[in-house]
N, C-alpha and C. Protein backbone atom coordinates (compact mmCIF):
# COMPACT_ATOMS: atom_id res chain seq x y z
N MET A 1 -14.57 16.09 -2.51
CA MET A 1 -13.93 15.19 -3.60
C MET A 1 -14.53 13.99 -3.73
N GLN A 2 -15.22 13.31 -2.76
CA GLN A 2 -15.40 11.68 -2.70
C GLN A 2 -16.63 11.83 -3.59
N THR A 3 -17.77 12.92 -2.93
CA THR A 3 -19.30 13.29 -3.92
C THR A 3 -19.05 13.19 -5.08
N TRP A 4 -18.10 14.46 -5.81
CA TRP A 4 -18.17 14.59 -6.59
C TRP A 4 -17.77 13.28 -8.03
N ILE A 5 -16.67 13.05 -7.01
CA ILE A 5 -16.19 11.62 -7.74
C ILE A 5 -17.48 10.87 -8.33
N LYS A 6 -17.53 10.52 -7.22
CA LYS A 6 -19.43 9.78 -7.47
C LYS A 6 -20.04 10.31 -8.65
N TYR A 7 -20.45 11.32 -8.58
CA TYR A 7 -21.16 12.29 -9.21
C TYR A 7 -20.61 11.85 -10.92
N ALA A 8 -19.65 12.21 -10.55
CA ALA A 8 -18.88 12.38 -12.39
C ALA A 8 -18.68 10.78 -12.72
N SER A 9 -19.35 10.17 -12.32
CA SER A 9 -18.67 8.67 -12.21
C SER A 9 -19.85 7.72 -12.57
N ARG A 10 -20.47 8.17 -12.04
CA ARG A 10 -22.08 6.91 -12.67
C ARG A 10 -22.23 7.62 -13.71
N LYS A 11 -23.20 6.25 -14.45
CA LYS A 11 -24.55 7.03 -14.83
C LYS A 11 -25.46 6.71 -14.70
N ALA A 12 -26.24 8.39 -15.02
CA ALA A 12 -28.01 8.52 -14.33
C ALA A 12 -28.96 7.31 -14.39
N PRO A 13 -29.21 6.84 -14.59
CA PRO A 13 -30.69 6.30 -14.58
C PRO A 13 -31.29 6.65 -15.27
N THR A 14 -32.27 6.07 -16.31
CA THR A 14 -32.97 6.62 -17.15
C THR A 14 -34.40 7.68 -16.35
N GLY A 15 -34.28 8.80 -16.65
CA GLY A 15 -35.07 9.47 -16.52
C GLY A 15 -34.35 10.72 -15.10
N ARG A 16 -33.65 10.54 -14.82
CA ARG A 16 -33.17 11.08 -13.31
C ARG A 16 -31.33 12.31 -14.23
N ARG A 17 -31.14 12.92 -13.40
CA ARG A 17 -30.41 14.11 -14.36
C ARG A 17 -28.63 13.97 -13.64
N HIS A 18 -29.25 12.58 -12.26
CA HIS A 18 -27.65 12.20 -11.74
C HIS A 18 -28.07 11.06 -11.25
N ALA A 19 -26.92 10.39 -10.59
CA ALA A 19 -27.05 8.65 -9.84
C ALA A 19 -26.48 8.90 -8.40
N LEU A 20 -26.95 9.92 -8.07
CA LEU A 20 -25.96 10.22 -6.25
C LEU A 20 -27.51 9.55 -5.91
N ARG A 21 -27.42 8.94 -4.73
CA ARG A 21 -28.71 8.79 -3.80
C ARG A 21 -28.47 9.46 -2.54
N ARG A 22 -29.28 9.59 -1.48
CA ARG A 22 -28.94 10.07 -0.47
C ARG A 22 -27.59 9.10 0.64
N ASP A 23 -27.42 7.59 0.47
CA ASP A 23 -26.60 7.34 0.91
C ASP A 23 -25.20 7.72 0.77
N ASP A 24 -24.58 8.64 -0.15
CA ASP A 24 -23.31 9.17 -0.68
C ASP A 24 -23.41 10.14 -0.27
N ALA A 25 -24.57 10.87 1.34
CA ALA A 25 -23.91 12.50 1.75
C ALA A 25 -23.38 11.81 2.97
N LEU A 26 -23.44 10.39 2.98
CA LEU A 26 -22.68 10.14 4.74
C LEU A 26 -21.63 9.90 4.28
N LEU A 27 -20.83 10.78 4.99
CA LEU A 27 -19.32 11.04 5.40
C LEU A 27 -18.56 10.38 6.61
N TRP A 28 -19.36 10.40 7.49
CA TRP A 28 -19.11 10.05 9.11
C TRP A 28 -17.74 9.08 8.38
N ILE A 29 -18.04 8.29 8.19
CA ILE A 29 -17.06 6.77 7.68
C ILE A 29 -15.81 7.30 7.12
N ASP A 30 -15.61 8.03 6.04
CA ASP A 30 -14.86 8.69 5.61
C ASP A 30 -13.82 8.83 6.55
N TRP A 31 -14.83 9.77 7.12
CA TRP A 31 -14.14 10.78 8.70
C TRP A 31 -13.07 9.64 9.76
N LEU A 32 -13.78 9.14 10.06
CA LEU A 32 -13.82 8.25 11.20
C LEU A 32 -12.40 7.48 11.05
N VAL A 33 -12.16 6.68 9.78
CA VAL A 33 -10.83 6.18 9.04
C VAL A 33 -9.92 7.11 8.69
N THR A 34 -10.24 8.45 8.56
CA THR A 34 -8.72 9.82 8.35
C THR A 34 -8.47 9.51 9.36
N ALA A 35 -10.02 10.37 10.90
CA ALA A 35 -9.07 10.30 12.67
C ALA A 35 -7.75 8.78 12.61
N ALA A 36 -8.70 8.08 12.50
CA ALA A 36 -7.76 6.92 13.11
C ALA A 36 -6.18 6.91 12.06
N LEU A 37 -6.63 7.06 10.99
CA LEU A 37 -4.93 7.02 10.38
C LEU A 37 -4.32 8.14 10.71
N ALA A 38 -4.67 9.69 10.51
CA ALA A 38 -3.91 10.62 11.41
C ALA A 38 -3.76 10.45 12.63
N LEU A 39 -4.25 10.12 13.63
CA LEU A 39 -4.13 9.67 14.97
C LEU A 39 -2.48 9.02 15.00
N GLY A 40 -2.87 7.66 14.23
CA GLY A 40 -1.29 7.27 14.07
C GLY A 40 -0.62 7.47 13.18
N VAL A 41 -0.58 8.32 12.27
CA VAL A 41 0.31 8.48 11.58
C VAL A 41 1.33 9.71 12.67
N SER A 42 1.23 11.23 13.25
CA SER A 42 0.84 11.72 13.64
C SER A 42 1.97 11.27 15.08
N LEU A 43 1.19 10.37 15.64
CA LEU A 43 2.52 9.40 16.98
C LEU A 43 3.56 9.04 16.42
N VAL A 44 3.77 8.57 15.75
CA VAL A 44 4.26 7.38 15.10
C VAL A 44 5.73 8.92 14.42
N THR A 45 5.34 9.91 13.93
CA THR A 45 6.04 11.11 13.44
C THR A 45 6.71 11.83 14.95
N ALA A 46 5.95 12.25 15.91
CA ALA A 46 6.14 12.99 16.82
C ALA A 46 7.06 11.83 17.15
N SER A 47 6.78 10.46 17.67
CA SER A 47 7.77 9.54 18.58
C SER A 47 9.04 9.95 17.97
N MET A 48 9.18 9.26 16.29
CA MET A 48 10.10 9.53 15.53
C MET A 48 11.17 10.96 16.02
N GLN A 49 10.35 12.00 16.08
CA GLN A 49 11.28 13.30 15.99
C GLN A 49 11.28 13.66 17.23
N GLY A 50 10.61 12.14 18.58
CA GLY A 50 11.50 12.63 19.84
C GLY A 50 10.06 14.27 20.22
N LYS A 51 9.35 14.54 19.88
CA LYS A 51 8.60 15.67 20.34
C LYS A 51 7.28 14.94 21.76
N PRO A 52 7.75 15.63 22.63
CA PRO A 52 6.42 14.92 23.83
C PRO A 52 5.60 15.04 23.68
N VAL A 53 4.40 13.99 23.73
CA VAL A 53 3.26 13.76 23.37
C VAL A 53 2.37 13.85 25.06
N ASP A 54 1.46 14.35 24.90
CA ASP A 54 0.46 14.44 26.26
C ASP A 54 0.10 13.01 26.31
N SER A 55 0.27 12.63 27.28
CA SER A 55 -0.43 10.88 27.65
C SER A 55 -1.88 11.41 27.34
N PHE A 56 -2.33 12.45 28.27
CA PHE A 56 -3.55 12.33 28.65
C PHE A 56 -4.65 12.91 27.45
N GLN A 57 -4.10 13.30 26.81
CA GLN A 57 -4.77 14.14 25.21
C GLN A 57 -4.75 12.75 24.22
N VAL A 58 -4.11 12.13 24.22
CA VAL A 58 -3.61 10.66 23.84
C VAL A 58 -4.59 9.96 24.57
N GLY A 59 -5.03 9.64 25.38
CA GLY A 59 -6.44 8.68 25.97
C GLY A 59 -7.14 9.26 25.47
N VAL A 60 -7.22 10.84 25.64
CA VAL A 60 -8.88 10.73 25.14
C VAL A 60 -9.14 11.00 23.68
N THR A 61 -8.00 10.90 22.82
CA THR A 61 -8.23 10.98 21.80
C THR A 61 -8.49 9.19 21.09
N LEU A 62 -7.60 8.72 21.81
CA LEU A 62 -7.98 6.95 21.20
C LEU A 62 -9.11 6.83 21.96
N ALA A 63 -9.34 7.39 23.06
CA ALA A 63 -11.09 6.32 23.31
C ALA A 63 -12.55 7.18 23.01
N VAL A 64 -12.29 8.44 22.29
CA VAL A 64 -12.68 8.85 21.04
C VAL A 64 -13.06 8.10 20.12
N LEU A 65 -12.48 8.04 19.48
CA LEU A 65 -12.13 7.35 18.50
C LEU A 65 -12.15 5.46 18.63
N VAL A 66 -12.20 4.94 19.51
CA VAL A 66 -12.81 3.85 19.86
C VAL A 66 -14.10 3.54 20.19
N LEU A 67 -14.72 4.51 20.99
CA LEU A 67 -16.34 5.22 20.78
C LEU A 67 -16.94 5.41 19.57
N GLY A 68 -15.67 5.98 18.86
CA GLY A 68 -15.97 6.69 17.11
C GLY A 68 -16.26 4.63 16.22
N LEU A 69 -15.05 4.02 16.56
CA LEU A 69 -15.70 2.77 15.38
C LEU A 69 -16.10 2.26 16.17
N ALA A 70 -16.16 1.70 17.41
CA ALA A 70 -17.23 0.68 17.31
C ALA A 70 -18.65 0.64 18.28
N VAL A 71 -18.98 2.00 18.46
CA VAL A 71 -20.20 2.41 18.53
C VAL A 71 -20.83 3.24 17.82
N MET A 72 -20.25 4.04 17.17
CA MET A 72 -21.22 4.48 16.06
C MET A 72 -21.27 4.13 15.13
N PRO A 73 -21.09 3.24 14.35
CA PRO A 73 -21.54 2.45 13.76
C PRO A 73 -22.93 1.69 13.85
N LYS A 74 -23.39 1.23 15.24
CA LYS A 74 -24.06 0.67 16.03
C LYS A 74 -25.04 1.67 16.12
N VAL A 75 -24.92 2.35 16.59
CA VAL A 75 -25.89 3.88 16.72
C VAL A 75 -26.69 4.44 15.34
N VAL A 76 -26.05 4.58 14.69
CA VAL A 76 -26.49 4.87 13.06
C VAL A 76 -27.23 4.07 12.39
N GLN A 77 -27.09 2.59 12.24
CA GLN A 77 -27.61 1.40 11.81
C GLN A 77 -28.73 1.40 12.62
N GLU A 78 -29.27 1.97 13.90
CA GLU A 78 -30.76 1.90 14.93
C GLU A 78 -31.24 3.08 14.55
N PHE A 79 -29.99 4.21 14.54
CA PHE A 79 -31.32 5.74 14.62
C PHE A 79 -31.55 6.09 13.28
N CYS A 80 -30.13 5.80 12.69
CA CYS A 80 -30.55 6.75 11.25
C CYS A 80 -31.36 5.76 9.96
N TYR A 81 -31.32 4.01 10.31
CA TYR A 81 -32.14 3.65 8.92
C TYR A 81 -33.30 2.57 9.68
N ASP A 82 -34.34 3.28 8.92
CA ASP A 82 -35.06 1.83 8.63
C ASP A 82 -35.24 0.22 8.88
N SER A 83 -36.30 -0.54 9.25
CA SER A 83 -36.41 -1.46 8.67
C SER A 83 -35.93 -2.44 7.88
N ALA A 84 -35.98 -1.42 6.60
CA ALA A 84 -36.21 -2.04 5.28
C ALA A 84 -35.01 -1.89 4.85
N GLY A 85 -33.69 -0.71 5.60
CA GLY A 85 -32.48 -0.43 5.68
C GLY A 85 -32.00 0.57 4.53
N ASP A 86 -33.26 1.40 4.70
CA ASP A 86 -33.44 2.64 4.23
C ASP A 86 -33.23 4.27 4.88
N LEU A 87 -32.32 4.59 4.41
CA LEU A 87 -31.94 6.36 6.02
C LEU A 87 -33.45 6.50 5.96
N ARG A 88 -33.67 7.31 6.84
CA ARG A 88 -34.60 8.23 7.30
C ARG A 88 -34.40 9.81 7.04
N GLY A 89 -33.82 9.75 6.77
CA GLY A 89 -33.64 11.61 5.61
C GLY A 89 -32.60 12.11 6.66
N TRP A 90 -32.85 13.63 5.94
CA TRP A 90 -31.73 14.13 5.93
C TRP A 90 -30.98 14.88 7.05
N SER A 91 -31.89 14.75 8.39
CA SER A 91 -31.92 15.40 9.53
C SER A 91 -30.58 13.89 10.19
N HIS A 92 -31.03 12.95 9.69
CA HIS A 92 -30.17 11.57 9.92
C HIS A 92 -28.59 11.84 9.05
N ILE A 93 -29.13 11.70 8.19
CA ILE A 93 -27.22 12.29 7.18
C ILE A 93 -26.76 13.72 8.00
N VAL A 94 -27.55 14.66 8.27
CA VAL A 94 -26.19 15.63 9.54
C VAL A 94 -25.98 15.06 10.58
N CYS A 95 -26.96 14.69 11.48
CA CYS A 95 -26.20 13.85 12.85
C CYS A 95 -25.44 12.85 12.74
N ALA A 96 -25.08 12.42 12.09
CA ALA A 96 -24.06 11.21 11.88
C ALA A 96 -22.65 11.65 11.25
N ASN A 97 -22.89 13.04 9.93
CA ASN A 97 -22.01 13.41 9.88
C ASN A 97 -21.39 14.65 10.63
N ALA A 98 -22.20 15.42 11.55
CA ALA A 98 -21.47 16.44 12.78
C ALA A 98 -21.01 15.05 13.35
N ALA A 99 -21.64 14.34 14.18
CA ALA A 99 -21.31 12.90 14.95
C ALA A 99 -19.29 12.87 14.60
N GLY A 100 -19.27 12.01 12.93
CA GLY A 100 -18.01 12.07 12.32
C GLY A 100 -17.45 12.85 12.70
N LEU A 101 -17.54 14.03 12.62
CA LEU A 101 -16.60 14.98 12.66
C LEU A 101 -15.96 15.90 13.94
N VAL A 102 -17.12 15.89 14.58
CA VAL A 102 -16.43 15.69 15.98
C VAL A 102 -15.11 14.62 15.97
N ILE A 103 -15.93 13.63 16.42
CA ILE A 103 -14.93 12.48 15.90
C ILE A 103 -13.77 12.94 15.71
N LEU A 104 -13.80 13.21 14.13
CA LEU A 104 -12.09 13.71 13.43
C LEU A 104 -11.60 14.63 14.18
N LEU A 105 -11.95 15.67 14.48
CA LEU A 105 -11.69 16.80 14.78
C LEU A 105 -10.77 15.92 16.83
N SER A 106 -10.68 15.48 17.03
CA SER A 106 -10.36 14.90 18.14
C SER A 106 -9.05 14.62 17.74
N PRO A 107 -8.21 13.67 16.86
CA PRO A 107 -7.48 13.82 16.34
C PRO A 107 -6.35 14.83 16.05
N VAL A 108 -6.94 15.87 15.32
CA VAL A 108 -6.69 17.37 14.94
C VAL A 108 -6.14 18.03 15.90
N ALA A 109 -6.87 17.91 16.75
CA ALA A 109 -6.38 18.70 17.83
C ALA A 109 -5.71 18.35 18.78
N ALA A 110 -4.92 16.82 19.10
CA ALA A 110 -4.00 16.33 18.90
C ALA A 110 -2.64 16.55 19.08
N GLY A 111 -2.82 16.46 17.54
CA GLY A 111 -1.85 17.11 16.64
C GLY A 111 -1.12 18.64 16.80
N VAL A 112 -2.56 19.00 16.73
CA VAL A 112 -2.08 20.82 17.00
C VAL A 112 -1.65 21.48 18.65
N LYS A 113 -1.71 20.42 19.30
CA LYS A 113 -1.21 19.97 20.82
C LYS A 113 0.39 20.06 20.59
N VAL A 114 0.42 18.85 19.80
CA VAL A 114 1.92 17.89 19.74
C VAL A 114 3.05 19.10 18.63
N TYR A 115 2.20 19.68 17.80
CA TYR A 115 3.18 20.20 16.94
C TYR A 115 2.77 21.84 17.13
N GLY A 116 2.16 22.26 17.69
CA GLY A 116 1.21 23.43 18.17
C GLY A 116 2.09 24.74 17.69
């Protein structure tokens, strides 16, 4: 949806059919934010409903989120961008998005375990 909104809201430069850039295909940032919010909301909701939460699962999920939020931006900066600040290629975009998706799945798995 985010990519569609970018496509629909931007004016295309002269001579191009659309205004999308390769950077618009980077979705991992949104997925990390979604993962952090999903974990926070599910933990608060579970505690308000008195549901048991496995501390090991929460610990693993928090560790994955901390790595994602603290380490992944630097890794993406080093490996996915060249010295001019341009993305190296589509394979780098796919890898960054795949890592973001794996991180997003961690809070989802924790939520499934709590609300099963």
